[in-house]
């Protein structure tokens, strides 16, 4: 059995042994395995939330993105979800929540950088830089 087969068997065993476990670490582990071997359950909700974000429906987008996180996402998608929740919080003048979401994204991926257009945004660009540098407490 190759490494992917072993990992899949372990994920299946964990899912069978712990079907009611909804702790964040278990959801993260399940989502990471699903990202290796297939779609994470939260991907459709994340895609819907990002579409709503692009359409300017920020409240609906935030709800969909939160749903995606609770359903399980791969590590890169969890980072993306928290980043977009930060953007939503920033543009709706919830700066403390914006900083918290950027912190969550950076806790998952400390190497996170915003794309040039995102980094240049007048609202969330400075907030992200402040949080990343450690001065955004």
C-alpha atoms as a PDB file:
ATOM      1  CA  UNK A   1       0.000   0.000   0.000  1.00  0.00           C
ATOM      2  CA  UNK A   2       1.432   3.396  -0.939  1.00  0.00           C
ATOM      3  CA  UNK A   3       1.431   6.501   1.282  1.00  0.00           C
ATOM      4  CA  UNK A   4      -1.784   7.837  -0.243  1.00  0.00           C
ATOM      5  CA  UNK A   5      -3.502   4.524   0.404  1.00  0.00           C
ATOM      6  CA  UNK A   6      -2.330   4.525   4.009  1.00  0.00           C
ATOM      7  CA  UNK A   7      -3.448   8.126   4.509  1.00  0.00           C
ATOM      8  CA  UNK A   8      -6.825   7.392   2.962  1.00  0.00           C
ATOM      9  CA  UNK A   9      -7.260   4.358   5.202  1.00  0.00           C
ATOM     10  CA  UNK A  10      -6.370   6.413   8.277  1.00  0.00           C
ATOM     11  CA  UNK A  11      -8.834   9.145   7.291  1.00  0.00           C
ATOM     12  CA  UNK A  12     -11.529   6.552   6.718  1.00  0.00           C
ATOM     13  CA  UNK A  13     -10.786   4.898  10.066  1.00  0.00           C
ATOM     14  CA  UNK A  14     -10.944   8.241  11.861  1.00  0.00           C
ATOM     15  CA  UNK A  15     -14.236   9.034  10.153  1.00  0.00           C
ATOM     16  CA  UNK A  16     -15.712   5.686  11.160  1.00  0.00           C
ATOM     17  CA  UNK A  17     -14.362   5.771  14.714  1.00  0.00           C
ATOM     18  CA  UNK A  18     -15.257   9.400  15.369  1.00  0.00           C
ATOM     19  CA  UNK A  19     -18.358  10.151  13.290  1.00  0.00           C
ATOM     20  CA  UNK A  20     -19.782  12.685  15.738  1.00  0.00           C
ATOM     21  CA  UNK A  21     -16.528  14.508  16.377  1.00  0.00           C
ATOM     22  CA  UNK A  22     -16.939  18.045  15.147  1.00  0.00           C
ATOM     23  CA  UNK A  23     -13.944  19.626  16.847  1.00  0.00           C
ATOM     24  CA  UNK A  24     -12.047  22.113  14.740  1.00  0.00           C
ATOM     25  CA  UNK A  25      -8.863  19.975  14.661  1.00  0.00           C
ATOM     26  CA  UNK A  26     -10.864  16.959  13.418  1.00  0.00           C
ATOM     27  CA  UNK A  27     -12.620  19.064  10.756  1.00  0.00           C
ATOM     28  CA  UNK A  28      -9.235  20.443   9.684  1.00  0.00           C
ATOM     29  CA  UNK A  29      -7.703  16.966   9.509  1.00  0.00           C
ATOM     30  CA  UNK A  30     -10.641  15.610   7.538  1.00  0.00           C
ATOM     31  CA  UNK A  31     -10.564  18.586   5.169  1.00  0.00           C
ATOM     32  CA  UNK A  32      -6.818  18.178   4.607  1.00  0.00           C
ATOM     33  CA  UNK A  33      -7.279  14.489   3.723  1.00  0.00           C
ATOM     34  CA  UNK A  34     -10.188  15.360   1.466  1.00  0.00           C
ATOM     35  CA  UNK A  35      -8.082  17.989  -0.284  1.00  0.00           C
ATOM     36  CA  UNK A  36      -5.518  15.282  -1.069  1.00  0.00           C
ATOM     37  CA  UNK A  37      -8.029  12.670  -2.216  1.00  0.00           C
ATOM     38  CA  UNK A  38     -11.051  14.637  -3.356  1.00  0.00           C
ATOM     39  CA  UNK A  39     -13.095  17.723  -2.697  1.00  0.00           C
ATOM     40  CA  UNK A  40     -13.551  19.069   0.817  1.00  0.00           C
ATOM     41  CA  UNK A  41     -17.199  19.335   1.794  1.00  0.00           C
ATOM     42  CA  UNK A  42     -17.070  23.110   2.215  1.00  0.00           C
ATOM     43  CA  UNK A  43     -15.755  23.906  -1.262  1.00  0.00           C
ATOM     44  CA  UNK A  44     -19.182  24.591  -2.833  1.00  0.00           C
ATOM     45  CA  UNK A  45     -20.143  26.931   0.011  1.00  0.00           C
ATOM     46  CA  UNK A  46     -16.792  28.735  -0.291  1.00  0.00           C
ATOM     47  CA  UNK A  47     -17.264  29.161  -4.038  1.00  0.00           C
ATOM     48  CA  UNK A  48     -20.779  30.526  -3.458  1.00  0.00           C
ATOM     49  CA  UNK A  49     -19.492  32.882  -0.773  1.00  0.00           C
ATOM     50  CA  UNK A  50     -16.710  34.205  -2.998  1.00  0.00           C
ATOM     51  CA  UNK A  51     -19.224  34.804  -5.789  1.00  0.00           C
ATOM     52  CA  UNK A  52     -21.465  36.721  -3.371  1.00  0.00           C
ATOM     53  CA  UNK A  53     -18.430  38.709  -2.229  1.00  0.00           C
ATOM     54  CA  UNK A  54     -17.634  39.631  -5.837  1.00  0.00           C
ATOM     55  CA  UNK A  55     -21.275  40.674  -6.284  1.00  0.00           C
ATOM     56  CA  UNK A  56     -21.056  42.942  -3.214  1.00  0.00           C
ATOM     57  CA  UNK A  57     -23.415  40.860  -1.048  1.00  0.00           C
ATOM     58  CA  UNK A  58     -21.077  40.942   1.935  1.00  0.00           C
ATOM     59  CA  UNK A  59     -23.439  39.663   4.644  1.00  0.00           C
ATOM     60  CA  UNK A  60     -24.534  36.695   2.528  1.00  0.00           C
ATOM     61  CA  UNK A  61     -20.922  36.061   1.518  1.00  0.00           C
ATOM     62  CA  UNK A  62     -19.770  36.017   5.139  1.00  0.00           C
ATOM     63  CA  UNK A  63     -22.495  33.508   6.056  1.00  0.00           C
ATOM     64  CA  UNK A  64     -21.548  31.213   3.158  1.00  0.00           C
ATOM     65  CA  UNK A  65     -17.850  31.430   3.960  1.00  0.00           C
ATOM     66  CA  UNK A  66     -18.526  30.630   7.631  1.00  0.00           C
ATOM     67  CA  UNK A  67     -20.622  27.662   6.494  1.00  0.00           C
ATOM     68  CA  UNK A  68     -17.741  26.507   4.301  1.00  0.00           C
ATOM     69  CA  UNK A  69     -15.358  26.674   7.248  1.00  0.00           C
ATOM     70  CA  UNK A  70     -17.720  24.669   9.433  1.00  0.00           C
ATOM     71  CA  UNK A  71     -18.192  22.028   6.714  1.00  0.00           C
ATOM     72  CA  UNK A  72     -14.461  21.581   6.231  1.00  0.00           C
ATOM     73  CA  UNK A  73     -11.938  23.083   3.832  1.00  0.00           C
ATOM     74  CA  UNK A  74      -8.417  22.274   2.774  1.00  0.00           C
ATOM     75  CA  UNK A  75      -5.663  24.292   4.435  1.00  0.00           C
ATOM     76  CA  UNK A  76      -5.245  26.704   1.485  1.00  0.00           C
ATOM     77  CA  UNK A  77      -9.013  27.211   1.303  1.00  0.00           C
ATOM     78  CA  UNK A  78      -9.204  27.884   5.064  1.00  0.00           C
ATOM     79  CA  UNK A  79      -6.581  30.598   4.596  1.00  0.00           C
ATOM     80  CA  UNK A  80      -8.569  32.029   1.672  1.00  0.00           C
ATOM     81  CA  UNK A  81     -11.803  31.914   3.689  1.00  0.00           C
ATOM     82  CA  UNK A  82     -10.314  33.844   6.606  1.00  0.00           C
ATOM     83  CA  UNK A  83      -8.700  36.333   4.226  1.00  0.00           C
ATOM     84  CA  UNK A  84     -12.023  37.084   2.559  1.00  0.00           C
ATOM     85  CA  UNK A  85     -13.802  37.299   5.914  1.00  0.00           C
ATOM     86  CA  UNK A  86     -11.156  39.871   6.862  1.00  0.00           C
ATOM     87  CA  UNK A  87     -11.830  41.819   3.663  1.00  0.00           C
ATOM     88  CA  UNK A  88     -15.566  41.789   4.416  1.00  0.00           C
ATOM     89  CA  UNK A  89     -15.030  42.913   8.002  1.00  0.00           C
ATOM     90  CA  UNK A  90     -12.714  45.716   6.886  1.00  0.00           C
ATOM     91  CA  UNK A  91     -15.056  47.111   4.237  1.00  0.00           C
ATOM     92  CA  UNK A  92     -17.996  46.978   6.653  1.00  0.00           C
ATOM     93  CA  UNK A  93     -16.003  48.905   9.280  1.00  0.00           C
ATOM     94  CA  UNK A  94     -15.520  46.019  11.719  1.00  0.00           C
ATOM     95  CA  UNK A  95     -11.812  46.586  12.132  1.00  0.00           C
ATOM     96  CA  UNK A  96     -11.293  44.421  15.221  1.00  0.00           C
ATOM     97  CA  UNK A  97     -12.962  41.475  13.473  1.00  0.00           C
ATOM     98  CA  UNK A  98     -10.890  42.240  10.353  1.00  0.00           C
ATOM     99  CA  UNK A  99      -7.667  41.980  12.358  1.00  0.00           C
ATOM    100  CA  UNK A 100      -8.902  38.758  13.998  1.00  0.00           C
ATOM    101  CA  UNK A 101      -9.597  37.137  10.622  1.00  0.00           C
ATOM    102  CA  UNK A 102      -6.180  38.126   9.295  1.00  0.00           C
ATOM    103  CA  UNK A 103      -4.645  36.648  12.459  1.00  0.00           C
ATOM    104  CA  UNK A 104      -6.519  33.388  11.843  1.00  0.00           C
ATOM    105  CA  UNK A 105      -5.291  33.253   8.252  1.00  0.00           C
ATOM    106  CA  UNK A 106      -1.716  33.966   9.312  1.00  0.00           C
ATOM    107  CA  UNK A 107      -1.896  31.364  12.091  1.00  0.00           C
ATOM    108  CA  UNK A 108      -2.670  28.772   9.421  1.00  0.00           C
ATOM    109  CA  UNK A 109      -0.121  30.126   6.916  1.00  0.00           C
ATOM    110  CA  UNK A 110       2.446  32.537   8.389  1.00  0.00           C
ATOM    111  CA  UNK A 111       3.920  33.072   4.914  1.00  0.00           C
ATOM    112  CA  UNK A 112       0.626  34.503   3.615  1.00  0.00           C
ATOM    113  CA  UNK A 113       1.039  37.566   1.450  1.00  0.00           C
ATOM    114  CA  UNK A 114      -1.689  39.531  -0.249  1.00  0.00           C
ATOM    115  CA  UNK A 115      -1.696  39.878  -4.016  1.00  0.00           C
ATOM    116  CA  UNK A 116      -0.423  43.301  -5.134  1.00  0.00           C
ATOM    117  CA  UNK A 117      -3.936  44.626  -5.818  1.00  0.00           C
ATOM    118  CA  UNK A 118      -5.116  43.364  -2.412  1.00  0.00           C
ATOM    119  CA  UNK A 119      -2.069  44.729  -0.587  1.00  0.00           C
ATOM    120  CA  UNK A 120      -2.640  48.141  -2.136  1.00  0.00           C
ATOM    121  CA  UNK A 121      -6.220  48.376  -0.904  1.00  0.00           C
ATOM    122  CA  UNK A 122      -6.578  51.504   1.253  1.00  0.00           C
ATOM    123  CA  UNK A 123      -8.622  49.803   3.973  1.00  0.00           C
ATOM    124  CA  UNK A 124      -7.390  46.254   4.470  1.00  0.00           C
ATOM    125  CA  UNK A 125      -3.863  46.640   3.073  1.00  0.00           C
ATOM    126  CA  UNK A 126      -2.590  48.607   6.088  1.00  0.00           C
ATOM    127  CA  UNK A 127      -4.515  46.370   8.503  1.00  0.00           C
ATOM    128  CA  UNK A 128      -2.940  43.230   7.029  1.00  0.00           C
ATOM    129  CA  UNK A 129       0.566  44.736   7.149  1.00  0.00           C
ATOM    130  CA  UNK A 130       0.014  45.771  10.761  1.00  0.00           C
ATOM    131  CA  UNK A 131      -1.192  42.306  11.797  1.00  0.00           C
ATOM    132  CA  UNK A 132       1.562  40.537   9.865  1.00  0.00           C
ATOM    133  CA  UNK A 133       4.258  42.706  11.462  1.00  0.00           C
ATOM    134  CA  UNK A 134       2.821  41.985  14.904  1.00  0.00           C
ATOM    135  CA  UNK A 135       1.863  45.564  15.643  1.00  0.00           C
ATOM    136  CA  UNK A 136      -1.848  45.045  14.920  1.00  0.00           C
ATOM    137  CA  UNK A 137      -2.921  43.853  18.343  1.00  0.00           C
END
